[in-house]
Amino acid sequence: MRLSGMDIYFEIANKDTLVDLLLEEGYDDFYFFPCKRYSAGAFLISAEEQVSARRDFGLFRLFLHETEAIVLSAAIKRELKDKTIKIFMNELKEL
């Protein structure tokens, strides 16, 4: 069975909540990348964000089986139901 890459993009303020959730769900091998979300002013909250047109986000990347990714994404969406979060899955082939 092939592994999939699961990318979770989220507002940086939710980082600790996501780390706790991943650890509670038994995932202890994942990667974190700080990143910025560039968008129209309507999606930006603070004056600083509106001037720079960007917002602090984070990205967690995990490598897991598709069925695990589906279950985990449902748990994340339940936990952070009112938060800005995007989850993507990519099929991978290890070299």
PDB file of N, CA and C in Angstrom:
ATOM      1  N   MET A   1       0.846  -1.185   0.000  1.00  0.00           N
ATOM      2  CA  MET A   1       0.000   0.000   0.000  1.00  0.00           C
ATOM      3  C   MET A   1       0.888   1.245   0.000  1.00  0.00           C
ATOM      4  N   ARG A   2       0.534   2.189  -0.822  1.00  0.00           N
ATOM      5  CA  ARG A   2       1.325   3.412  -0.945  1.00  0.00           C
ATOM      6  C   ARG A   2       1.007   4.406   0.151  1.00  0.00           C
ATOM      7  N   LEU A   3       2.015   5.195   0.465  1.00  0.00           N
ATOM      8  CA  LEU A   3       1.815   6.278   1.417  1.00  0.00           C
ATOM      9  C   LEU A   3       1.332   7.516   0.688  1.00  0.00           C
ATOM     10  N   SER A   4       0.591   8.328   1.397  1.00  0.00           N
ATOM     11  CA  SER A   4       0.140   9.612   0.884  1.00  0.00           C
ATOM     12  C   SER A   4       0.765  10.717   1.716  1.00  0.00           C
ATOM     13  N   GLY A   5       0.951  11.855   1.099  1.00  0.00           N
ATOM     14  CA  GLY A   5       1.399  13.034   1.825  1.00  0.00           C
ATOM     15  C   GLY A   5       0.172  13.834   2.226  1.00  0.00           C
ATOM     16  N   MET A   6       0.088  14.184   3.468  1.00  0.00           N
ATOM     17  CA  MET A   6      -1.034  14.977   3.969  1.00  0.00           C
ATOM     18  C   MET A   6      -0.496  16.327   4.389  1.00  0.00           C
ATOM     19  N   ASP A   7      -0.987  17.384   3.759  1.00  0.00           N
ATOM     20  CA  ASP A   7      -0.587  18.752   4.072  1.00  0.00           C
ATOM     21  C   ASP A   7      -1.734  19.451   4.783  1.00  0.00           C
ATOM     22  N   ILE A   8      -1.438  20.021   5.935  1.00  0.00           N
ATOM     23  CA  ILE A   8      -2.439  20.726   6.736  1.00  0.00           C
ATOM     24  C   ILE A   8      -1.991  22.175   6.858  1.00  0.00           C
ATOM     25  N   TYR A   9      -2.713  23.093   6.226  1.00  0.00           N
ATOM     26  CA  TYR A   9      -2.432  24.524   6.300  1.00  0.00           C
ATOM     27  C   TYR A   9      -3.378  25.148   7.318  1.00  0.00           C
ATOM     28  N   PHE A  10      -2.843  25.988   8.219  1.00  0.00           N
ATOM     29  CA  PHE A  10      -3.661  26.500   9.316  1.00  0.00           C
ATOM     30  C   PHE A  10      -3.111  27.840   9.795  1.00  0.00           C
ATOM     31  N   GLU A  11      -3.983  28.614  10.460  1.00  0.00           N
ATOM     32  CA  GLU A  11      -3.555  29.854  11.098  1.00  0.00           C
ATOM     33  C   GLU A  11      -2.576  29.494  12.209  1.00  0.00           C
ATOM     34  N   ILE A  12      -1.486  30.226  12.287  1.00  0.00           N
ATOM     35  CA  ILE A  12      -0.397  29.887  13.201  1.00  0.00           C
ATOM     36  C   ILE A  12      -0.858  29.826  14.662  1.00  0.00           C
ATOM     37  N   ALA A  13      -1.880  30.557  15.019  1.00  0.00           N
ATOM     38  CA  ALA A  13      -2.393  30.541  16.395  1.00  0.00           C
ATOM     39  C   ALA A  13      -2.920  29.161  16.793  1.00  0.00           C
ATOM     40  N   ASN A  14      -3.213  28.305  15.821  1.00  0.00           N
ATOM     41  CA  ASN A  14      -3.745  26.973  16.102  1.00  0.00           C
ATOM     42  C   ASN A  14      -2.671  25.881  16.142  1.00  0.00           C
ATOM     43  N   LYS A  15      -1.416  26.280  16.082  1.00  0.00           N
ATOM     44  CA  LYS A  15      -0.325  25.302  16.022  1.00  0.00           C
ATOM     45  C   LYS A  15      -0.329  24.360  17.228  1.00  0.00           C
ATOM     46  N   ASP A  16      -0.368  24.891  18.437  1.00  0.00           N
ATOM     47  CA  ASP A  16      -0.305  24.047  19.636  1.00  0.00           C
ATOM     48  C   ASP A  16      -1.487  23.091  19.718  1.00  0.00           C
ATOM     49  N   THR A  17      -2.663  23.559  19.340  1.00  0.00           N
ATOM     50  CA  THR A  17      -3.849  22.704  19.338  1.00  0.00           C
ATOM     51  C   THR A  17      -3.661  21.536  18.383  1.00  0.00           C
ATOM     52  N   LEU A  18      -3.120  21.824  17.201  1.00  0.00           N
ATOM     53  CA  LEU A  18      -2.889  20.755  16.227  1.00  0.00           C
ATOM     54  C   LEU A  18      -1.801  19.790  16.674  1.00  0.00           C
ATOM     55  N   VAL A  19      -0.724  20.302  17.254  1.00  0.00           N
ATOM     56  CA  VAL A  19       0.329  19.422  17.764  1.00  0.00           C
ATOM     57  C   VAL A  19      -0.256  18.476  18.813  1.00  0.00           C
ATOM     58  N   ASP A  20      -1.020  19.011  19.754  1.00  0.00           N
ATOM     59  CA  ASP A  20      -1.641  18.176  20.783  1.00  0.00           C
ATOM     60  C   ASP A  20      -2.540  17.116  20.161  1.00  0.00           C
ATOM     61  N   LEU A  21      -3.339  17.512  19.172  1.00  0.00           N
ATOM     62  CA  LEU A  21      -4.251  16.573  18.525  1.00  0.00           C
ATOM     63  C   LEU A  21      -3.481  15.465  17.804  1.00  0.00           C
ATOM     64  N   LEU A  22      -2.445  15.842  17.063  1.00  0.00           N
ATOM     65  CA  LEU A  22      -1.651  14.836  16.344  1.00  0.00           C
ATOM     66  C   LEU A  22      -1.017  13.845  17.314  1.00  0.00           C
ATOM     67  N   LEU A  23      -0.460  14.350  18.402  1.00  0.00           N
ATOM     68  CA  LEU A  23       0.164  13.465  19.389  1.00  0.00           C
ATOM     69  C   LEU A  23      -0.873  12.566  20.071  1.00  0.00           C
ATOM     70  N   GLU A  24      -2.025  13.130  20.406  1.00  0.00           N
ATOM     71  CA  GLU A  24      -3.094  12.339  21.023  1.00  0.00           C
ATOM     72  C   GLU A  24      -3.585  11.236  20.094  1.00  0.00           C
ATOM     73  N   GLU A  25      -3.581  11.503  18.790  1.00  0.00           N
ATOM     74  CA  GLU A  25      -4.025  10.518  17.795  1.00  0.00           C
ATOM     75  C   GLU A  25      -2.936   9.508  17.463  1.00  0.00           C
ATOM     76  N   GLY A  26      -1.758   9.647  18.081  1.00  0.00           N
ATOM     77  CA  GLY A  26      -0.692   8.680  17.885  1.00  0.00           C
ATOM     78  C   GLY A  26       0.304   9.017  16.783  1.00  0.00           C
ATOM     79  N   TYR A  27       0.233  10.221  16.246  1.00  0.00           N
ATOM     80  CA  TYR A  27       1.174  10.640  15.204  1.00  0.00           C
ATOM     81  C   TYR A  27       2.325  11.404  15.855  1.00  0.00           C
ATOM     82  N   ASP A  28       3.499  10.822  15.821  1.00  0.00           N
ATOM     83  CA  ASP A  28       4.654  11.455  16.468  1.00  0.00           C
ATOM     84  C   ASP A  28       5.814  11.648  15.501  1.00  0.00           C
ATOM     85  N   ASP A  29       5.526  11.598  14.222  1.00  0.00           N
ATOM     86  CA  ASP A  29       6.559  11.791  13.199  1.00  0.00           C
ATOM     87  C   ASP A  29       5.966  12.647  12.085  1.00  0.00           C
ATOM     88  N   PHE A  30       6.123  13.963  12.212  1.00  0.00           N
ATOM     89  CA  PHE A  30       5.574  14.881  11.212  1.00  0.00           C
ATOM     90  C   PHE A  30       6.460  16.105  11.126  1.00  0.00           C
ATOM     91  N   TYR A  31       6.217  16.909  10.117  1.00  0.00           N
ATOM     92  CA  TYR A  31       7.053  18.079   9.839  1.00  0.00           C
ATOM     93  C   TYR A  31       6.213  19.346   9.954  1.00  0.00           C
ATOM     94  N   PHE A  32       6.877  20.425  10.375  1.00  0.00           N
ATOM     95  CA  PHE A  32       6.232  21.735  10.468  1.00  0.00           C
ATOM     96  C   PHE A  32       7.024  22.747   9.658  1.00  0.00           C
ATOM     97  N   PHE A  33       6.302  23.571   8.896  1.00  0.00           N
ATOM     98  CA  PHE A  33       6.904  24.641   8.109  1.00  0.00           C
ATOM     99  C   PHE A  33       6.118  25.930   8.359  1.00  0.00           C
ATOM    100  N   PRO A  34       6.769  26.996   8.788  1.00  0.00           N
ATOM    101  CA  PRO A  34       6.068  28.284   8.865  1.00  0.00           C
ATOM    102  C   PRO A  34       5.868  28.804   7.447  1.00  0.00           C
ATOM    103  N   CYS A  35       4.747  29.452   7.207  1.00  0.00           N
ATOM    104  CA  CYS A  35       4.487  29.999   5.878  1.00  0.00           C
ATOM    105  C   CYS A  35       3.555  31.199   5.995  1.00  0.00           C
ATOM    106  N   LYS A  36       3.348  31.861   4.899  1.00  0.00           N
ATOM    107  CA  LYS A  36       2.464  33.029   4.841  1.00  0.00           C
ATOM    108  C   LYS A  36       1.333  32.753   3.867  1.00  0.00           C
ATOM    109  N   ARG A  37       0.163  33.240   4.188  1.00  0.00           N
ATOM    110  CA  ARG A  37      -0.961  33.183   3.258  1.00  0.00           C
ATOM    111  C   ARG A  37      -1.134  34.587   2.693  1.00  0.00           C
ATOM    112  N   TYR A  38      -1.021  34.699   1.402  1.00  0.00           N
ATOM    113  CA  TYR A  38      -1.239  35.970   0.720  1.00  0.00           C
ATOM    114  C   TYR A  38      -2.661  35.964   0.190  1.00  0.00           C
ATOM    115  N   SER A  39      -3.384  37.053   0.453  1.00  0.00           N
ATOM    116  CA  SER A  39      -4.780  37.075   0.031  1.00  0.00           C
ATOM    117  C   SER A  39      -5.300  38.501  -0.032  1.00  0.00           C
ATOM    118  N   ALA A  40      -6.531  38.593  -0.480  1.00  0.00           N
ATOM    119  CA  ALA A  40      -7.206  39.891  -0.555  1.00  0.00           C
ATOM    120  C   ALA A  40      -7.434  40.416   0.859  1.00  0.00           C
ATOM    121  N   GLY A  41      -7.541  41.706   0.992  1.00  0.00           N
ATOM    122  CA  GLY A  41      -7.694  42.360   2.289  1.00  0.00           C
ATOM    123  C   GLY A  41      -8.853  41.849   3.120  1.00  0.00           C
ATOM    124  N   ALA A  42      -9.890  41.330   2.490  1.00  0.00           N
ATOM    125  CA  ALA A  42     -11.062  40.862   3.227  1.00  0.00           C
ATOM    126  C   ALA A  42     -10.731  39.682   4.142  1.00  0.00           C
ATOM    127  N   PHE A  43      -9.684  38.930   3.813  1.00  0.00           N
ATOM    128  CA  PHE A  43      -9.310  37.767   4.610  1.00  0.00           C
ATOM    129  C   PHE A  43      -8.288  38.100   5.694  1.00  0.00           C
ATOM    130  N   LEU A  44      -7.828  39.323   5.715  1.00  0.00           N
ATOM    131  CA  LEU A  44      -6.794  39.729   6.658  1.00  0.00           C
ATOM    132  C   LEU A  44      -7.435  40.502   7.795  1.00  0.00           C
ATOM    133  N   ILE A  45      -6.954  40.275   9.013  1.00  0.00           N
ATOM    134  CA  ILE A  45      -7.622  40.828  10.191  1.00  0.00           C
ATOM    135  C   ILE A  45      -6.950  42.094  10.706  1.00  0.00           C
ATOM    136  N   SER A  46      -5.691  42.012  11.051  1.00  0.00           N
ATOM    137  CA  SER A  46      -5.021  43.151  11.675  1.00  0.00           C
ATOM    138  C   SER A  46      -4.597  44.179  10.622  1.00  0.00           C
ATOM    139  N   ALA A  47      -4.310  45.392  11.090  1.00  0.00           N
ATOM    140  CA  ALA A  47      -3.840  46.449  10.180  1.00  0.00           C
ATOM    141  C   ALA A  47      -2.532  46.042   9.522  1.00  0.00           C
ATOM    142  N   GLU A  48      -1.641  45.400  10.295  1.00  0.00           N
ATOM    143  CA  GLU A  48      -0.362  44.949   9.739  1.00  0.00           C
ATOM    144  C   GLU A  48      -0.585  43.936   8.611  1.00  0.00           C
ATOM    145  N   GLU A  49      -1.517  43.001   8.817  1.00  0.00           N
ATOM    146  CA  GLU A  49      -1.816  42.018   7.782  1.00  0.00           C
ATOM    147  C   GLU A  49      -2.389  42.694   6.543  1.00  0.00           C
ATOM    148  N   GLN A  50      -3.236  43.703   6.740  1.00  0.00           N
ATOM    149  CA  GLN A  50      -3.846  44.375   5.601  1.00  0.00           C
ATOM    150  C   GLN A  50      -2.818  45.152   4.797  1.00  0.00           C
ATOM    151  N   VAL A  51      -1.831  45.736   5.451  1.00  0.00           N
ATOM    152  CA  VAL A  51      -0.782  46.488   4.754  1.00  0.00           C
ATOM    153  C   VAL A  51       0.124  45.540   3.978  1.00  0.00           C
ATOM    154  N   SER A  52       0.483  44.416   4.583  1.00  0.00           N
ATOM    155  CA  SER A  52       1.411  43.486   3.937  1.00  0.00           C
ATOM    156  C   SER A  52       0.706  42.494   3.020  1.00  0.00           C
ATOM    157  N   ALA A  53      -0.612  42.376   3.117  1.00  0.00           N
ATOM    158  CA  ALA A  53      -1.430  41.445   2.330  1.00  0.00           C
ATOM    159  C   ALA A  53      -1.061  39.990   2.606  1.00  0.00           C
ATOM    160  N   ARG A  54      -0.591  39.727   3.809  1.00  0.00           N
ATOM    161  CA  ARG A  54      -0.245  38.349   4.157  1.00  0.00           C
ATOM    162  C   ARG A  54      -0.587  38.081   5.622  1.00  0.00           C
ATOM    163  N   ARG A  55      -0.739  36.804   5.899  1.00  0.00           N
ATOM    164  CA  ARG A  55      -1.110  36.367   7.241  1.00  0.00           C
ATOM    165  C   ARG A  55      -0.247  35.174   7.615  1.00  0.00           C
ATOM    166  N   ASP A  56       0.142  35.083   8.891  1.00  0.00           N
ATOM    167  CA  ASP A  56       0.985  33.975   9.336  1.00  0.00           C
ATOM    168  C   ASP A  56       0.196  32.673   9.374  1.00  0.00           C
ATOM    169  N   PHE A  57       0.727  31.693   8.692  1.00  0.00           N
ATOM    170  CA  PHE A  57       0.136  30.359   8.648  1.00  0.00           C
ATOM    171  C   PHE A  57       1.219  29.342   8.958  1.00  0.00           C
ATOM    172  N   GLY A  58       0.823  28.111   9.134  1.00  0.00           N
ATOM    173  CA  GLY A  58       1.747  27.013   9.316  1.00  0.00           C
ATOM    174  C   GLY A  58       1.328  25.861   8.430  1.00  0.00           C
ATOM    175  N   LEU A  59       2.252  24.952   8.216  1.00  0.00           N
ATOM    176  CA  LEU A  59       1.997  23.752   7.414  1.00  0.00           C
ATOM    177  C   LEU A  59       2.569  22.552   8.151  1.00  0.00           C
ATOM    178  N   PHE A  60       1.725  21.583   8.425  1.00  0.00           N
ATOM    179  CA  PHE A  60       2.184  20.288   8.911  1.00  0.00           C
ATOM    180  C   PHE A  60       2.138  19.325   7.742  1.00  0.00           C
ATOM    181  N   ARG A  61       3.169  18.521   7.607  1.00  0.00           N
ATOM    182  CA  ARG A  61       3.199  17.488   6.574  1.00  0.00           C
ATOM    183  C   ARG A  61       3.425  16.141   7.253  1.00  0.00           C
ATOM    184  N   LEU A  62       2.545  15.211   6.919  1.00  0.00           N
ATOM    185  CA  LEU A  62       2.630  13.848   7.440  1.00  0.00           C
ATOM    186  C   LEU A  62       2.651  12.883   6.263  1.00  0.00           C
ATOM    187  N   PHE A  63       3.188  11.703   6.498  1.00  0.00           N
ATOM    188  CA  PHE A  63       3.197  10.646   5.500  1.00  0.00           C
ATOM    189  C   PHE A  63       2.469   9.457   6.102  1.00  0.00           C
ATOM    190  N   LEU A  64       1.325   9.098   5.508  1.00  0.00           N
ATOM    191  CA  LEU A  64       0.492   8.045   6.050  1.00  0.00           C
ATOM    192  C   LEU A  64      -0.361   7.427   4.957  1.00  0.00           C
ATOM    193  N   HIS A  65      -1.060   6.361   5.295  1.00  0.00           N
ATOM    194  CA  HIS A  65      -1.930   5.694   4.334  1.00  0.00           C
ATOM    195  C   HIS A  65      -3.211   6.508   4.142  1.00  0.00           C
ATOM    196  N   GLU A  66      -3.816   6.376   2.981  1.00  0.00           N
ATOM    197  CA  GLU A  66      -4.989   7.180   2.634  1.00  0.00           C
ATOM    198  C   GLU A  66      -6.115   7.025   3.654  1.00  0.00           C
ATOM    199  N   THR A  67      -6.377   5.823   4.096  1.00  0.00           N
ATOM    200  CA  THR A  67      -7.470   5.620   5.061  1.00  0.00           C
ATOM    201  C   THR A  67      -7.181   6.335   6.384  1.00  0.00           C
ATOM    202  N   GLU A  68      -5.925   6.319   6.811  1.00  0.00           N
ATOM    203  CA  GLU A  68      -5.542   7.044   8.028  1.00  0.00           C
ATOM    204  C   GLU A  68      -5.722   8.546   7.832  1.00  0.00           C
ATOM    205  N   ALA A  69      -5.362   9.042   6.654  1.00  0.00           N
ATOM    206  CA  ALA A  69      -5.475  10.477   6.359  1.00  0.00           C
ATOM    207  C   ALA A  69      -6.926  10.934   6.413  1.00  0.00           C
ATOM    208  N   ILE A  70      -7.822  10.126   5.907  1.00  0.00           N
ATOM    209  CA  ILE A  70      -9.244  10.484   5.919  1.00  0.00           C
ATOM    210  C   ILE A  70      -9.767  10.571   7.351  1.00  0.00           C
ATOM    211  N   VAL A  71      -9.409   9.595   8.186  1.00  0.00           N
ATOM    212  CA  VAL A  71      -9.844   9.598   9.593  1.00  0.00           C
ATOM    213  C   VAL A  71      -9.241  10.788  10.338  1.00  0.00           C
ATOM    214  N   LEU A  72      -7.951  11.024  10.131  1.00  0.00           N
ATOM    215  CA  LEU A  72      -7.286  12.135  10.810  1.00  0.00           C
ATOM    216  C   LEU A  72      -7.854  13.480  10.376  1.00  0.00           C
ATOM    217  N   SER A  73      -8.112  13.645   9.089  1.00  0.00           N
ATOM    218  CA  SER A  73      -8.659  14.930   8.621  1.00  0.00           C
ATOM    219  C   SER A  73     -10.034  15.198   9.235  1.00  0.00           C
ATOM    220  N   ALA A  74     -10.834  14.163   9.414  1.00  0.00           N
ATOM    221  CA  ALA A  74     -12.146  14.333  10.050  1.00  0.00           C
ATOM    222  C   ALA A  74     -11.978  14.778  11.501  1.00  0.00           C
ATOM    223  N   ALA A  75     -11.009  14.188  12.219  1.00  0.00           N
ATOM    224  CA  ALA A  75     -10.757  14.579  13.614  1.00  0.00           C
ATOM    225  C   ALA A  75     -10.290  16.026  13.693  1.00  0.00           C
ATOM    226  N   ILE A  76      -9.425  16.435  12.770  1.00  0.00           N
ATOM    227  CA  ILE A  76      -8.919  17.816  12.755  1.00  0.00           C
ATOM    228  C   ILE A  76     -10.056  18.790  12.474  1.00  0.00           C
ATOM    229  N   LYS A  77     -10.892  18.467  11.512  1.00  0.00           N
ATOM    230  CA  LYS A  77     -12.008  19.356  11.169  1.00  0.00           C
ATOM    231  C   LYS A  77     -13.007  19.471  12.322  1.00  0.00           C
ATOM    232  N   ARG A  78     -13.203  18.381  13.065  1.00  0.00           N
ATOM    233  CA  ARG A  78     -14.081  18.447  14.246  1.00  0.00           C
ATOM    234  C   ARG A  78     -13.485  19.356  15.306  1.00  0.00           C
ATOM    235  N   GLU A  79     -12.190  19.194  15.557  1.00  0.00           N
ATOM    236  CA  GLU A  79     -11.507  19.971  16.602  1.00  0.00           C
ATOM    237  C   GLU A  79     -11.427  21.460  16.256  1.00  0.00           C
ATOM    238  N   LEU A  80     -11.192  21.772  15.004  1.00  0.00           N
ATOM    239  CA  LEU A  80     -10.995  23.166  14.569  1.00  0.00           C
ATOM    240  C   LEU A  80     -12.104  23.602  13.614  1.00  0.00           C
ATOM    241  N   LYS A  81     -13.335  23.254  13.928  1.00  0.00           N
ATOM    242  CA  LYS A  81     -14.451  23.471  13.002  1.00  0.00           C
ATOM    243  C   LYS A  81     -14.689  24.926  12.632  1.00  0.00           C
ATOM    244  N   ASP A  82     -14.354  25.850  13.491  1.00  0.00           N
ATOM    245  CA  ASP A  82     -14.600  27.268  13.197  1.00  0.00           C
ATOM    246  C   ASP A  82     -13.330  28.001  12.785  1.00  0.00           C
ATOM    247  N   LYS A  83     -12.281  27.288  12.460  1.00  0.00           N
ATOM    248  CA  LYS A  83     -10.991  27.902  12.142  1.00  0.00           C
ATOM    249  C   LYS A  83     -10.679  27.758  10.656  1.00  0.00           C
ATOM    250  N   THR A  84      -9.791  28.628  10.173  1.00  0.00           N
ATOM    251  CA  THR A  84      -9.333  28.544   8.791  1.00  0.00           C
ATOM    252  C   THR A  84      -8.303  27.424   8.698  1.00  0.00           C
ATOM    253  N   ILE A  85      -8.672  26.379   7.982  1.00  0.00           N
ATOM    254  CA  ILE A  85      -7.788  25.233   7.828  1.00  0.00           C
ATOM    255  C   ILE A  85      -8.045  24.589   6.468  1.00  0.00           C
ATOM    256  N   LYS A  86      -6.992  24.191   5.817  1.00  0.00           N
ATOM    257  CA  LYS A  86      -7.085  23.504   4.521  1.00  0.00           C
ATOM    258  C   LYS A  86      -6.252  22.236   4.626  1.00  0.00           C
ATOM    259  N   ILE A  87      -6.810  21.131   4.162  1.00  0.00           N
ATOM    260  CA  ILE A  87      -6.124  19.841   4.214  1.00  0.00           C
ATOM    261  C   ILE A  87      -6.089  19.260   2.809  1.00  0.00           C
ATOM    262  N   PHE A  88      -4.894  18.849   2.389  1.00  0.00           N
ATOM    263  CA  PHE A  88      -4.701  18.257   1.066  1.00  0.00           C
ATOM    264  C   PHE A  88      -3.993  16.921   1.209  1.00  0.00           C
ATOM    265  N   MET A  89      -4.266  16.034   0.274  1.00  0.00           N
ATOM    266  CA  MET A  89      -3.588  14.753   0.245  1.00  0.00           C
ATOM    267  C   MET A  89      -2.990  14.552  -1.140  1.00  0.00           C
ATOM    268  N   ASN A  90      -1.746  14.080  -1.160  1.00  0.00           N
ATOM    269  CA  ASN A  90      -1.040  13.828  -2.408  1.00  0.00           C
ATOM    270  C   ASN A  90      -0.524  12.405  -2.413  1.00  0.00           C
ATOM    271  N   GLU A  91      -0.676  11.735  -3.533  1.00  0.00           N
ATOM    272  CA  GLU A  91      -0.107  10.405  -3.648  1.00  0.00           C
ATOM    273  C   GLU A  91       1.383  10.549  -3.859  1.00  0.00           C
ATOM    274  N   LEU A  92       2.159   9.742  -3.161  1.00  0.00           N
ATOM    275  CA  LEU A  92       3.620   9.852  -3.206  1.00  0.00           C
ATOM    276  C   LEU A  92       4.251   8.543  -3.629  1.00  0.00           C
ATOM    277  N   LYS A  93       5.448   8.673  -4.162  1.00  0.00           N
ATOM    278  CA  LYS A  93       6.251   7.503  -4.471  1.00  0.00           C
ATOM    279  C   LYS A  93       7.635   7.777  -3.944  1.00  0.00           C
ATOM    280  N   GLU A  94       8.080   6.958  -2.981  1.00  0.00           N
ATOM    281  CA  GLU A  94       9.398   7.158  -2.396  1.00  0.00           C
ATOM    282  C   GLU A  94      10.482   6.740  -3.386  1.00  0.00           C
ATOM    283  N   LEU A  95      11.522   7.545  -3.472  1.00  0.00           N
ATOM    284  CA  LEU A  95      12.635   7.230  -4.370  1.00  0.00           C
ATOM    285  C   LEU A  95      13.750   6.530  -3.635  1.00  0.00           C
TER     286      LEU A  95
END
